[in-house]
Structures are given as structure tokens and as C-alpha cells.
């Protein structure tokens, strides 16, 4: 039984004897290096030309958002002023006091 395991292991080890190193075509590394350098030089101008476009688009977007927020905020302050005026006129009509507290905390002093 132990002999069968040894034979199987020997067969596996002997199967590795025929393995040879992988062959690389001539000038493979030179062509690979040239291709990598070519792609590096091609991509650089494209990235440089596109970056200002993205920067300008981002600045325009930020400026547009700021303008919208500013215009909406100025409308809200006008509405808040009108709302305060309306509340004061209602309070004066019904003689409602500005103090809404139930207890006066300074009564004991």
C-alpha cells in the first residue's frame, strides 16, 4: 500500500522532467517597452487638454449654485419680514401679549 503511494509520487515528480522554460520571441521586451512609452506619450496631451475644461465647468457649476442659493435666500428674508409683520398685526388685533410664558420666573425677586 505504501509502495503504491510512492509510485504515484514518483510519477508526478517524473512528469515535471519534461518542462522547459517558456520561449519569448526575439526583441519582445524592446517592443513591449516601446509600446508602453508610446501610450504614455499619447495619453499625456489628452489629459492636459481636458483638465481646463473640467476646471471651468466646475467653477461655472459652483457659481450657478451660489447664485441660486443667494436668490432663494433673499426671497426668504423678504417673506420672513412679511410674516413677522403679519404676526404682529394679528397679535395687535386680538390683543395677544408678546410674552407666551405661563409663569413669570422673576416674580419672587
PDB file of N, CA and C in Angstrom:
ATOM      1  N   UNK A   1       0.825  -1.182   0.000  1.00  0.00           N
ATOM      2  CA  UNK A   1       0.000   0.000   0.000  1.00  0.00           C
ATOM      3  C   UNK A   1       0.871   1.249   0.000  1.00  0.00           C
ATOM      4  N   UNK A   2       1.867   1.257   0.826  1.00  0.00           N
ATOM      5  CA  UNK A   2       2.793   2.371   0.890  1.00  0.00           C
ATOM      6  C   UNK A   2       3.584   2.457  -0.409  1.00  0.00           C
ATOM      7  N   UNK A   3       3.807   1.325  -1.024  1.00  0.00           N
ATOM      8  CA  UNK A   3       4.543   1.253  -2.273  1.00  0.00           C
ATOM      9  C   UNK A   3       3.762   1.917  -3.407  1.00  0.00           C
ATOM     10  N   UNK A   4       2.420   1.816  -3.378  1.00  0.00           N
ATOM     11  CA  UNK A   4       1.565   2.432  -4.396  1.00  0.00           C
ATOM     12  C   UNK A   4       1.603   3.953  -4.302  1.00  0.00           C
ATOM     13  N   UNK A   5       1.670   4.455  -3.099  1.00  0.00           N
ATOM     14  CA  UNK A   5       1.738   5.906  -2.916  1.00  0.00           C
ATOM     15  C   UNK A   5       3.070   6.444  -3.413  1.00  0.00           C
ATOM     16  N   UNK A   6       4.146   5.702  -3.160  1.00  0.00           N
ATOM     17  CA  UNK A   6       5.464   6.131  -3.619  1.00  0.00           C
ATOM     18  C   UNK A   6       5.528   6.141  -5.139  1.00  0.00           C
ATOM     19  N   UNK A   7       4.907   5.140  -5.763  1.00  0.00           N
ATOM     20  CA  UNK A   7       4.905   5.074  -7.232  1.00  0.00           C
ATOM     21  C   UNK A   7       4.141   6.274  -7.812  1.00  0.00           C
ATOM     22  N   UNK A   8       3.020   6.615  -7.208  1.00  0.00           N
ATOM     23  CA  UNK A   8       2.217   7.751  -7.669  1.00  0.00           C
ATOM     24  C   UNK A   8       3.013   9.050  -7.525  1.00  0.00           C
ATOM     25  N   UNK A   9       3.693   9.229  -6.398  1.00  0.00           N
ATOM     26  CA  UNK A   9       4.503  10.418  -6.171  1.00  0.00           C
ATOM     27  C   UNK A   9       5.656  10.463  -7.167  1.00  0.00           C
ATOM     28  N   UNK A  10       6.287   9.343  -7.435  1.00  0.00           N
ATOM     29  CA  UNK A  10       7.385   9.295  -8.406  1.00  0.00           C
ATOM     30  C   UNK A  10       6.887   9.644  -9.811  1.00  0.00           C
ATOM     31  N   UNK A  11       5.701   9.211 -10.158  1.00  0.00           N
ATOM     32  CA  UNK A  11       5.138   9.530 -11.476  1.00  0.00           C
ATOM     33  C   UNK A  11       4.902  11.041 -11.611  1.00  0.00           C
ATOM     34  N   UNK A  12       4.396  11.647 -10.542  1.00  0.00           N
ATOM     35  CA  UNK A  12       4.135  13.089 -10.574  1.00  0.00           C
ATOM     36  C   UNK A  12       5.444  13.855 -10.700  1.00  0.00           C
ATOM     37  N   UNK A  13       6.453  13.454  -9.950  1.00  0.00           N
ATOM     38  CA  UNK A  13       7.744  14.138  -9.994  1.00  0.00           C
ATOM     39  C   UNK A  13       8.400  13.927 -11.362  1.00  0.00           C
ATOM     40  N   UNK A  14       8.291  12.746 -11.918  1.00  0.00           N
ATOM     41  CA  UNK A  14       8.877  12.462 -13.231  1.00  0.00           C
ATOM     42  C   UNK A  14       8.162  13.229 -14.346  1.00  0.00           C
ATOM     43  N   UNK A  15       6.887  13.564 -14.141  1.00  0.00           N
ATOM     44  CA  UNK A  15       6.164  14.312 -15.174  1.00  0.00           C
ATOM     45  C   UNK A  15       6.705  15.736 -15.314  1.00  0.00           C
ATOM     46  N   UNK A  16       7.356  16.230 -14.283  1.00  0.00           N
ATOM     47  CA  UNK A  16       7.912  17.576 -14.321  1.00  0.00           C
ATOM     48  C   UNK A  16       9.255  17.630 -15.043  1.00  0.00           C
ATOM     49  N   UNK A  17       9.849  16.501 -15.346  1.00  0.00           N
ATOM     50  CA  UNK A  17      11.156  16.476 -16.007  1.00  0.00           C
ATOM     51  C   UNK A  17      11.111  17.050 -17.421  1.00  0.00           C
ATOM     52  N   UNK A  18       9.988  16.974 -18.105  1.00  0.00           N
ATOM     53  CA  UNK A  18       9.896  17.434 -19.486  1.00  0.00           C
ATOM     54  C   UNK A  18       9.589  18.922 -19.617  1.00  0.00           C
ATOM     55  N   UNK A  19       9.432  19.621 -18.516  1.00  0.00           N
ATOM     56  CA  UNK A  19       9.070  21.035 -18.578  1.00  0.00           C
ATOM     57  C   UNK A  19      10.282  21.853 -19.014  1.00  0.00           C
ATOM     58  N   UNK A  20      10.038  22.771 -19.970  1.00  0.00           N
ATOM     59  CA  UNK A  20      11.097  23.664 -20.448  1.00  0.00           C
ATOM     60  C   UNK A  20      10.684  25.110 -20.152  1.00  0.00           C
ATOM     61  N   UNK A  21      11.645  25.953 -20.128  1.00  0.00           N
ATOM     62  CA  UNK A  21      11.403  27.375 -19.900  1.00  0.00           C
ATOM     63  C   UNK A  21      10.626  27.953 -21.090  1.00  0.00           C
ATOM     64  N   UNK A  22       9.689  28.842 -20.813  1.00  0.00           N
ATOM     65  CA  UNK A  22       8.886  29.436 -21.873  1.00  0.00           C
ATOM     66  C   UNK A  22       9.774  30.288 -22.773  1.00  0.00           C
ATOM     67  N   UNK A  23       9.543  30.175 -24.064  1.00  0.00           N
ATOM     68  CA  UNK A  23      10.352  30.909 -25.043  1.00  0.00           C
ATOM     69  C   UNK A  23       9.667  32.239 -25.349  1.00  0.00           C
ATOM     70  N   UNK A  24      10.473  33.278 -25.391  1.00  0.00           N
ATOM     71  CA  UNK A  24       9.972  34.604 -25.686  1.00  0.00           C
ATOM     72  C   UNK A  24      10.468  34.968 -27.085  1.00  0.00           C
ATOM     73  N   UNK A  25       9.589  35.537 -27.911  1.00  0.00           N
ATOM     74  CA  UNK A  25      10.049  35.925 -29.254  1.00  0.00           C
ATOM     75  C   UNK A  25      11.178  36.954 -29.168  1.00  0.00           C
ATOM     76  N   UNK A  26      11.957  37.014 -30.243  1.00  0.00           N
ATOM     77  CA  UNK A  26      13.069  37.962 -30.271  1.00  0.00           C
ATOM     78  C   UNK A  26      12.565  39.392 -30.154  1.00  0.00           C
ATOM     79  N   UNK A  27      13.298  40.214 -29.443  1.00  0.00           N
ATOM     80  CA  UNK A  27      13.023  41.631 -29.241  1.00  0.00           C
ATOM     81  C   UNK A  27      11.654  41.888 -28.593  1.00  0.00           C
ATOM     82  N   UNK A  28      11.157  40.934 -27.822  1.00  0.00           N
ATOM     83  CA  UNK A  28       9.859  41.089 -27.165  1.00  0.00           C
ATOM     84  C   UNK A  28       9.878  42.253 -26.176  1.00  0.00           C
ATOM     85  N   UNK A  29      10.895  42.283 -25.332  1.00  0.00           N
ATOM     86  CA  UNK A  29      10.968  43.314 -24.309  1.00  0.00           C
ATOM     87  C   UNK A  29      11.157  44.700 -24.926  1.00  0.00           C
ATOM     88  N   UNK A  30      11.911  44.783 -26.001  1.00  0.00           N
ATOM     89  CA  UNK A  30      12.109  46.067 -26.674  1.00  0.00           C
ATOM     90  C   UNK A  30      10.790  46.585 -27.240  1.00  0.00           C
ATOM     91  N   UNK A  31      10.031  45.687 -27.891  1.00  0.00           N
ATOM     92  CA  UNK A  31       8.738  46.094 -28.447  1.00  0.00           C
ATOM     93  C   UNK A  31       7.749  46.458 -27.344  1.00  0.00           C
ATOM     94  N   UNK A  32       7.768  45.690 -26.258  1.00  0.00           N
ATOM     95  CA  UNK A  32       6.875  45.979 -25.140  1.00  0.00           C
ATOM     96  C   UNK A  32       7.196  47.340 -24.532  1.00  0.00           C
ATOM     97  N   UNK A  33       8.462  47.618 -24.323  1.00  0.00           N
ATOM     98  CA  UNK A  33       8.866  48.900 -23.759  1.00  0.00           C
ATOM     99  C   UNK A  33       8.487  50.048 -24.690  1.00  0.00           C
ATOM    100  N   UNK A  34       8.693  49.877 -25.995  1.00  0.00           N
ATOM    101  CA  UNK A  34       8.331  50.920 -26.963  1.00  0.00           C
ATOM    102  C   UNK A  34       6.827  51.158 -26.963  1.00  0.00           C
ATOM    103  N   UNK A  35       6.026  50.111 -26.870  1.00  0.00           N
ATOM    104  CA  UNK A  35       4.561  50.263 -26.846  1.00  0.00           C
ATOM    105  C   UNK A  35       4.107  51.001 -25.587  1.00  0.00           C
ATOM    106  N   UNK A  36       4.713  50.670 -24.446  1.00  0.00           N
ATOM    107  CA  UNK A  36       4.349  51.336 -23.195  1.00  0.00           C
ATOM    108  C   UNK A  36       4.719  52.814 -23.235  1.00  0.00           C
ATOM    109  N   UNK A  37       5.883  53.148 -23.787  1.00  0.00           N
ATOM    110  CA  UNK A  37       6.284  54.548 -23.870  1.00  0.00           C
ATOM    111  C   UNK A  37       5.404  55.312 -24.850  1.00  0.00           C
ATOM    112  N   UNK A  38       4.991  54.661 -25.931  1.00  0.00           N
ATOM    113  CA  UNK A  38       4.124  55.306 -26.908  1.00  0.00           C
ATOM    114  C   UNK A  38       2.779  55.658 -26.281  1.00  0.00           C
ATOM    115  N   UNK A  39       2.191  54.743 -25.511  1.00  0.00           N
ATOM    116  CA  UNK A  39       0.917  55.014 -24.858  1.00  0.00           C
ATOM    117  C   UNK A  39       1.070  56.104 -23.805  1.00  0.00           C
ATOM    118  N   UNK A  40       2.188  56.144 -23.135  1.00  0.00           N
ATOM    119  CA  UNK A  40       2.417  57.167 -22.115  1.00  0.00           C
ATOM    120  C   UNK A  40       2.458  58.548 -22.746  1.00  0.00           C
ATOM    121  N   UNK A  41       3.116  58.681 -23.885  1.00  0.00           N
ATOM    122  CA  UNK A  41       3.202  59.980 -24.552  1.00  0.00           C
ATOM    123  C   UNK A  41       1.885  60.373 -25.197  1.00  0.00           C
ATOM    124  N   UNK A  42       1.112  59.420 -25.660  1.00  0.00           N
ATOM    125  CA  UNK A  42      -0.169  59.728 -26.286  1.00  0.00           C
ATOM    126  C   UNK A  42      -1.197  60.216 -25.272  1.00  0.00           C
ATOM    127  N   UNK A  43      -1.223  59.616 -24.085  1.00  0.00           N
ATOM    128  CA  UNK A  43      -2.244  59.961 -23.108  1.00  0.00           C
ATOM    129  C   UNK A  43      -1.958  61.284 -22.401  1.00  0.00           C
ATOM    130  N   UNK A  44      -0.722  61.706 -22.333  1.00  0.00           N
ATOM    131  CA  UNK A  44      -0.382  62.940 -21.623  1.00  0.00           C
ATOM    132  C   UNK A  44      -1.023  64.183 -22.234  1.00  0.00           C
ATOM    133  N   UNK A  45      -0.944  64.403 -23.557  1.00  0.00           N
ATOM    134  CA  UNK A  45      -1.573  65.617 -24.098  1.00  0.00           C
ATOM    135  C   UNK A  45      -3.088  65.621 -23.932  1.00  0.00           C
ATOM    136  N   UNK A  46      -3.725  64.488 -24.046  1.00  0.00           N
ATOM    137  CA  UNK A  46      -5.174  64.445 -23.890  1.00  0.00           C
ATOM    138  C   UNK A  46      -5.575  64.847 -22.478  1.00  0.00           C
ATOM    139  N   UNK A  47      -4.890  64.347 -21.488  1.00  0.00           N
ATOM    140  CA  UNK A  47      -5.218  64.703 -20.107  1.00  0.00           C
ATOM    141  C   UNK A  47      -4.981  66.180 -19.864  1.00  0.00           C
ATOM    142  N   UNK A  48      -3.925  66.743 -20.420  1.00  0.00           N
ATOM    143  CA  UNK A  48      -3.634  68.148 -20.215  1.00  0.00           C
ATOM    144  C   UNK A  48      -4.688  69.026 -20.885  1.00  0.00           C
ATOM    145  N   UNK A  49      -5.168  68.609 -22.051  1.00  0.00           N
ATOM    146  CA  UNK A  49      -6.143  69.422 -22.768  1.00  0.00           C
ATOM    147  C   UNK A  49      -7.524  69.349 -22.123  1.00  0.00           C
ATOM    148  N   UNK A  50      -7.844  68.266 -21.474  1.00  0.00           N
ATOM    149  CA  UNK A  50      -9.168  68.114 -20.890  1.00  0.00           C
ATOM    150  C   UNK A  50      -9.275  68.737 -19.500  1.00  0.00           C
ATOM    151  N   UNK A  51      -8.207  68.854 -18.804  1.00  0.00           N
ATOM    152  CA  UNK A  51      -8.270  69.364 -17.439  1.00  0.00           C
ATOM    153  C   UNK A  51      -8.834  70.777 -17.332  1.00  0.00           C
ATOM    154  N   UNK A  52      -8.422  71.729 -18.155  1.00  0.00           N
ATOM    155  CA  UNK A  52      -9.021  73.069 -18.041  1.00  0.00           C
ATOM    156  C   UNK A  52     -10.524  73.067 -18.303  1.00  0.00           C
ATOM    157  N   UNK A  53     -10.973  72.189 -19.168  1.00  0.00           N
ATOM    158  CA  UNK A  53     -12.407  72.109 -19.442  1.00  0.00           C
ATOM    159  C   UNK A  53     -13.152  71.686 -18.184  1.00  0.00           C
ATOM    160  N   UNK A  54     -12.643  70.695 -17.487  1.00  0.00           N
ATOM    161  CA  UNK A  54     -13.287  70.237 -16.258  1.00  0.00           C
ATOM    162  C   UNK A  54     -13.226  71.316 -15.185  1.00  0.00           C
ATOM    163  N   UNK A  55     -12.126  72.031 -15.095  1.00  0.00           N
ATOM    164  CA  UNK A  55     -11.987  73.083 -14.085  1.00  0.00           C
ATOM    165  C   UNK A  55     -12.982  74.208 -14.349  1.00  0.00           C
ATOM    166  N   UNK A  56     -13.075  74.628 -15.596  1.00  0.00           N
ATOM    167  CA  UNK A  56     -14.003  75.712 -15.943  1.00  0.00           C
ATOM    168  C   UNK A  56     -15.449  75.275 -15.717  1.00  0.00           C
ATOM    169  N   UNK A  57     -15.774  74.041 -16.105  1.00  0.00           N
ATOM    170  CA  UNK A  57     -17.141  73.545 -15.896  1.00  0.00           C
ATOM    171  C   UNK A  57     -17.471  73.478 -14.410  1.00  0.00           C
ATOM    172  N   UNK A  58     -16.526  73.054 -13.588  1.00  0.00           N
ATOM    173  CA  UNK A  58     -16.754  73.004 -12.148  1.00  0.00           C
ATOM    174  C   UNK A  58     -16.965  74.387 -11.548  1.00  0.00           C
ATOM    175  N   UNK A  59     -16.168  75.357 -11.985  1.00  0.00           N
ATOM    176  CA  UNK A  59     -16.329  76.727 -11.475  1.00  0.00           C
ATOM    177  C   UNK A  59     -17.673  77.324 -11.885  1.00  0.00           C
ATOM    178  N   UNK A  60     -18.094  77.058 -13.114  1.00  0.00           N
ATOM    179  CA  UNK A  60     -19.395  77.560 -13.560  1.00  0.00           C
ATOM    180  C   UNK A  60     -20.522  76.926 -12.758  1.00  0.00           C
ATOM    181  N   UNK A  61     -20.399  75.629 -12.477  1.00  0.00           N
ATOM    182  CA  UNK A  61     -21.415  74.938 -11.682  1.00  0.00           C
ATOM    183  C   UNK A  61     -21.491  75.516 -10.272  1.00  0.00           C
ATOM    184  N   UNK A  62     -20.349  75.728  -9.654  1.00  0.00           N
ATOM    185  CA  UNK A  62     -20.325  76.294  -8.294  1.00  0.00           C
ATOM    186  C   UNK A  62     -20.912  77.707  -8.293  1.00  0.00           C
ATOM    187  N   UNK A  63     -20.568  78.498  -9.298  1.00  0.00           N
ATOM    188  CA  UNK A  63     -21.106  79.848  -9.395  1.00  0.00           C
ATOM    189  C   UNK A  63     -22.623  79.836  -9.576  1.00  0.00           C
ATOM    190  N   UNK A  64     -23.128  78.925 -10.395  1.00  0.00           N
ATOM    191  CA  UNK A  64     -24.577  78.830 -10.619  1.00  0.00           C
ATOM    192  C   UNK A  64     -25.304  78.436  -9.336  1.00  0.00           C
ATOM    193  N   UNK A  65     -24.749  77.487  -8.600  1.00  0.00           N
ATOM    194  CA  UNK A  65     -25.373  77.058  -7.343  1.00  0.00           C
ATOM    195  C   UNK A  65     -25.382  78.213  -6.344  1.00  0.00           C
ATOM    196  N   UNK A  66     -24.289  78.965  -6.269  1.00  0.00           N
ATOM    197  CA  UNK A  66     -24.239  80.106  -5.351  1.00  0.00           C
ATOM    198  C   UNK A  66     -25.273  81.167  -5.714  1.00  0.00           C
ATOM    199  N   UNK A  67     -25.443  81.422  -7.002  1.00  0.00           N
ATOM    200  CA  UNK A  67     -26.431  82.421  -7.429  1.00  0.00           C
ATOM    201  C   UNK A  67     -27.837  81.979  -7.064  1.00  0.00           C
ATOM    202  N   UNK A  68     -28.144  80.701  -7.302  1.00  0.00           N
ATOM    203  CA  UNK A  68     -29.479  80.186  -6.979  1.00  0.00           C
ATOM    204  C   UNK A  68     -29.737  80.266  -5.481  1.00  0.00           C
ATOM    205  N   UNK A  69     -28.765  79.882  -4.680  1.00  0.00           N
ATOM    206  CA  UNK A  69     -28.930  79.932  -3.222  1.00  0.00           C
ATOM    207  C   UNK A  69     -29.096  81.377  -2.758  1.00  0.00           C
ATOM    208  N   UNK A  70     -28.326  82.289  -3.318  1.00  0.00           N
ATOM    209  CA  UNK A  70     -28.424  83.696  -2.927  1.00  0.00           C
ATOM    210  C   UNK A  70     -29.799  84.270  -3.274  1.00  0.00           C
ATOM    211  N   UNK A  71     -30.293  83.962  -4.473  1.00  0.00           N
ATOM    212  CA  UNK A  71     -31.600  84.485  -4.868  1.00  0.00           C
ATOM    213  C   UNK A  71     -32.724  83.896  -4.024  1.00  0.00           C
ATOM    214  N   UNK A  72     -32.644  82.624  -3.713  1.00  0.00           N
ATOM    215  CA  UNK A  72     -33.667  81.999  -2.861  1.00  0.00           C
ATOM    216  C   UNK A  72     -33.594  82.540  -1.436  1.00  0.00           C
ATOM    217  N   UNK A  73     -32.408  82.811  -0.947  1.00  0.00           N
ATOM    218  CA  UNK A  73     -32.245  83.325   0.411  1.00  0.00           C
ATOM    219  C   UNK A  73     -32.795  84.737   0.521  1.00  0.00           C
ATOM    220  N   UNK A  74     -32.589  85.561  -0.493  1.00  0.00           N
ATOM    221  CA  UNK A  74     -33.111  86.924  -0.425  1.00  0.00           C
ATOM    222  C   UNK A  74     -34.635  86.921  -0.469  1.00  0.00           C
ATOM    223  N   UNK A  75     -35.241  85.997  -1.200  1.00  0.00           N
ATOM    224  CA  UNK A  75     -36.696  85.872  -1.214  1.00  0.00           C
ATOM    225  C   UNK A  75     -37.220  85.431   0.152  1.00  0.00           C
ATOM    226  N   UNK A  76     -36.491  84.546   0.817  1.00  0.00           N
ATOM    227  CA  UNK A  76     -36.928  84.053   2.123  1.00  0.00           C
ATOM    228  C   UNK A  76     -36.864  85.152   3.178  1.00  0.00           C
ATOM    229  N   UNK A  77     -35.871  86.010   3.113  1.00  0.00           N
ATOM    230  CA  UNK A  77     -35.798  87.087   4.106  1.00  0.00           C
ATOM    231  C   UNK A  77     -36.950  88.062   3.900  1.00  0.00           C
ATOM    232  N   UNK A  78     -37.315  88.300   2.652  1.00  0.00           N
ATOM    233  CA  UNK A  78     -38.461  89.167   2.383  1.00  0.00           C
ATOM    234  C   UNK A  78     -39.733  88.526   2.914  1.00  0.00           C
ATOM    235  N   UNK A  79     -39.872  87.225   2.698  1.00  0.00           N
ATOM    236  CA  UNK A  79     -41.046  86.511   3.205  1.00  0.00           C
ATOM    237  C   UNK A  79     -41.058  86.489   4.731  1.00  0.00           C
ATOM    238  N   UNK A  80     -39.888  86.355   5.334  1.00  0.00           N
ATOM    239  CA  UNK A  80     -39.818  86.338   6.796  1.00  0.00           C
ATOM    240  C   UNK A  80     -40.224  87.701   7.362  1.00  0.00           C
ATOM    241  N   UNK A  81     -39.794  88.768   6.707  1.00  0.00           N
ATOM    242  CA  UNK A  81     -40.191  90.110   7.163  1.00  0.00           C
ATOM    243  C   UNK A  81     -41.700  90.299   7.031  1.00  0.00           C
ATOM    244  N   UNK A  82     -42.267  89.847   5.923  1.00  0.00           N
ATOM    245  CA  UNK A  82     -43.716  89.945   5.730  1.00  0.00           C
ATOM    246  C   UNK A  82     -44.456  89.099   6.764  1.00  0.00           C
ATOM    247  N   UNK A  83     -43.924  87.931   7.073  1.00  0.00           N
ATOM    248  CA  UNK A  83     -44.535  87.033   8.047  1.00  0.00           C
ATOM    249  C   UNK A  83     -44.520  87.664   9.443  1.00  0.00           C
ATOM    250  N   UNK A  84     -43.396  88.309   9.815  1.00  0.00           N
ATOM    251  CA  UNK A  84     -43.324  88.984  11.114  1.00  0.00           C
ATOM    252  C   UNK A  84     -44.337  90.124  11.198  1.00  0.00           C
ATOM    253  N   UNK A  85     -44.455  90.864  10.117  1.00  0.00           N
ATOM    254  CA  UNK A  85     -45.416  91.967  10.093  1.00  0.00           C
ATOM    255  C   UNK A  85     -46.834  91.440  10.233  1.00  0.00           C
ATOM    256  N   UNK A  86     -47.141  90.347   9.551  1.00  0.00           N
ATOM    257  CA  UNK A  86     -48.466  89.744   9.638  1.00  0.00           C
ATOM    258  C   UNK A  86     -48.758  89.243  11.051  1.00  0.00           C
ATOM    259  N   UNK A  87     -47.781  88.605  11.675  1.00  0.00           N
ATOM    260  CA  UNK A  87     -47.971  88.109  13.046  1.00  0.00           C
ATOM    261  C   UNK A  87     -48.192  89.265  14.019  1.00  0.00           C
ATOM    262  N   UNK A  88     -47.459  90.330  13.844  1.00  0.00           N
ATOM    263  CA  UNK A  88     -47.624  91.473  14.738  1.00  0.00           C
ATOM    264  C   UNK A  88     -48.994  92.120  14.568  1.00  0.00           C
ATOM    265  N   UNK A  89     -49.474  92.183  13.327  1.00  0.00           N
ATOM    266  CA  UNK A  89     -50.793  92.791  13.113  1.00  0.00           C
ATOM    267  C   UNK A  89     -51.897  91.915  13.691  1.00  0.00           C
ATOM    268  N   UNK A  90     -51.761  90.595  13.568  1.00  0.00           N
ATOM    269  CA  UNK A  90     -52.754  89.681  14.161  1.00  0.00           C
ATOM    270  C   UNK A  90     -52.713  89.788  15.680  1.00  0.00           C
ATOM    271  N   UNK A  91     -51.499  89.847  16.250  1.00  0.00           N
ATOM    272  CA  UNK A  91     -51.357  89.952  17.704  1.00  0.00           C
ATOM    273  C   UNK A  91     -51.970  91.252  18.214  1.00  0.00           C
ATOM    274  N   UNK A  92     -51.810  92.340  17.472  1.00  0.00           N
ATOM    275  CA  UNK A  92     -52.385  93.599  17.934  1.00  0.00           C
ATOM    276  C   UNK A  92     -53.911  93.608  17.795  1.00  0.00           C
ATOM    277  N   UNK A  93     -54.437  92.923  16.776  1.00  0.00           N
ATOM    278  CA  UNK A  93     -55.895  92.861  16.604  1.00  0.00           C
ATOM    279  C   UNK A  93     -56.570  92.109  17.736  1.00  0.00           C
ATOM    280  N   UNK A  94     -55.956  91.010  18.140  1.00  0.00           N
ATOM    281  CA  UNK A  94     -56.556  90.184  19.182  1.00  0.00           C
ATOM    282  C   UNK A  94     -55.994  90.491  20.562  1.00  0.00           C
ATOM    283  N   UNK A  95     -55.176  91.489  20.683  1.00  0.00           N
ATOM    284  CA  UNK A  95     -54.566  91.905  21.947  1.00  0.00           C
ATOM    285  C   UNK A  95     -53.812  90.756  22.611  1.00  0.00           C
ATOM    286  N   UNK A  96     -53.016  90.083  21.830  1.00  0.00           N
ATOM    287  CA  UNK A  96     -52.198  88.966  22.346  1.00  0.00           C
ATOM    288  C   UNK A  96     -50.871  89.549  22.801  1.00  0.00           C
ATOM    289  N   UNK A  97     -50.462  89.190  24.006  1.00  0.00           N
ATOM    290  CA  UNK A  97     -49.200  89.685  24.541  1.00  0.00           C
ATOM    291  C   UNK A  97     -48.047  88.963  23.846  1.00  0.00           C
ATOM    292  N   UNK A  98     -46.917  89.661  23.777  1.00  0.00           N
ATOM    293  CA  UNK A  98     -45.735  89.060  23.171  1.00  0.00           C
ATOM    294  C   UNK A  98     -45.134  87.984  24.059  1.00  0.00           C
ATOM    295  N   UNK A  99     -45.409  88.030  25.344  1.00  0.00           N
ATOM    296  CA  UNK A  99     -44.855  87.059  26.270  1.00  0.00           C
ATOM    297  C   UNK A  99     -45.766  85.841  26.304  1.00  0.00           C
ATOM    298  N   UNK A 100     -45.253  84.704  25.891  1.00  0.00           N
ATOM    299  CA  UNK A 100     -46.052  83.482  25.856  1.00  0.00           C
ATOM    300  C   UNK A 100     -45.808  82.566  27.037  1.00  0.00           C
ATOM    301  N   UNK A 101     -44.984  82.989  27.991  1.00  0.00           N
ATOM    302  CA  UNK A 101     -44.688  82.107  29.114  1.00  0.00           C
ATOM    303  C   UNK A 101     -45.860  82.104  30.096  1.00  0.00           C
ATOM    304  N   UNK A 102     -46.091  80.964  30.713  1.00  0.00           N
ATOM    305  CA  UNK A 102     -47.192  80.813  31.657  1.00  0.00           C
ATOM    306  C   UNK A 102     -46.819  81.418  33.012  1.00  0.00           C
ATOM    307  N   UNK A 103     -45.583  81.184  33.415  1.00  0.00           N
ATOM    308  CA  UNK A 103     -45.155  81.657  34.719  1.00  0.00           C
ATOM    309  C   UNK A 103     -44.075  82.718  34.548  1.00  0.00           C
ATOM    310  N   UNK A 104     -44.124  83.694  35.384  1.00  0.00           N
ATOM    311  CA  UNK A 104     -43.064  84.691  35.389  1.00  0.00           C
ATOM    312  C   UNK A 104     -42.015  84.226  36.367  1.00  0.00           C
ATOM    313  N   UNK A 105     -40.841  83.933  35.873  1.00  0.00           N
ATOM    314  CA  UNK A 105     -39.782  83.349  36.700  1.00  0.00           C
ATOM    315  C   UNK A 105     -39.175  84.369  37.667  1.00  0.00           C
ATOM    316  N   UNK A 106     -39.307  85.622  37.387  1.00  0.00           N
ATOM    317  CA  UNK A 106     -38.711  86.658  38.231  1.00  0.00           C
ATOM    318  C   UNK A 106     -39.718  87.213  39.243  1.00  0.00           C
ATOM    319  N   UNK A 107     -40.803  86.555  39.506  1.00  0.00           N
ATOM    320  CA  UNK A 107     -41.813  87.042  40.406  1.00  0.00           C
ATOM    321  C   UNK A 107     -41.314  87.101  41.849  1.00  0.00           C
ATOM    322  N   UNK A 108     -40.494  86.138  42.258  1.00  0.00           N
ATOM    323  CA  UNK A 108     -40.034  86.064  43.648  1.00  0.00           C
ATOM    324  C   UNK A 108     -38.963  87.109  43.936  1.00  0.00           C
ATOM    325  N   UNK A 109     -38.316  87.616  43.046  1.00  0.00           N
ATOM    326  CA  UNK A 109     -37.207  88.544  43.292  1.00  0.00           C
ATOM    327  C   UNK A 109     -37.651  89.935  43.463  1.00  0.00           C
TER     328      UNK A 109
END
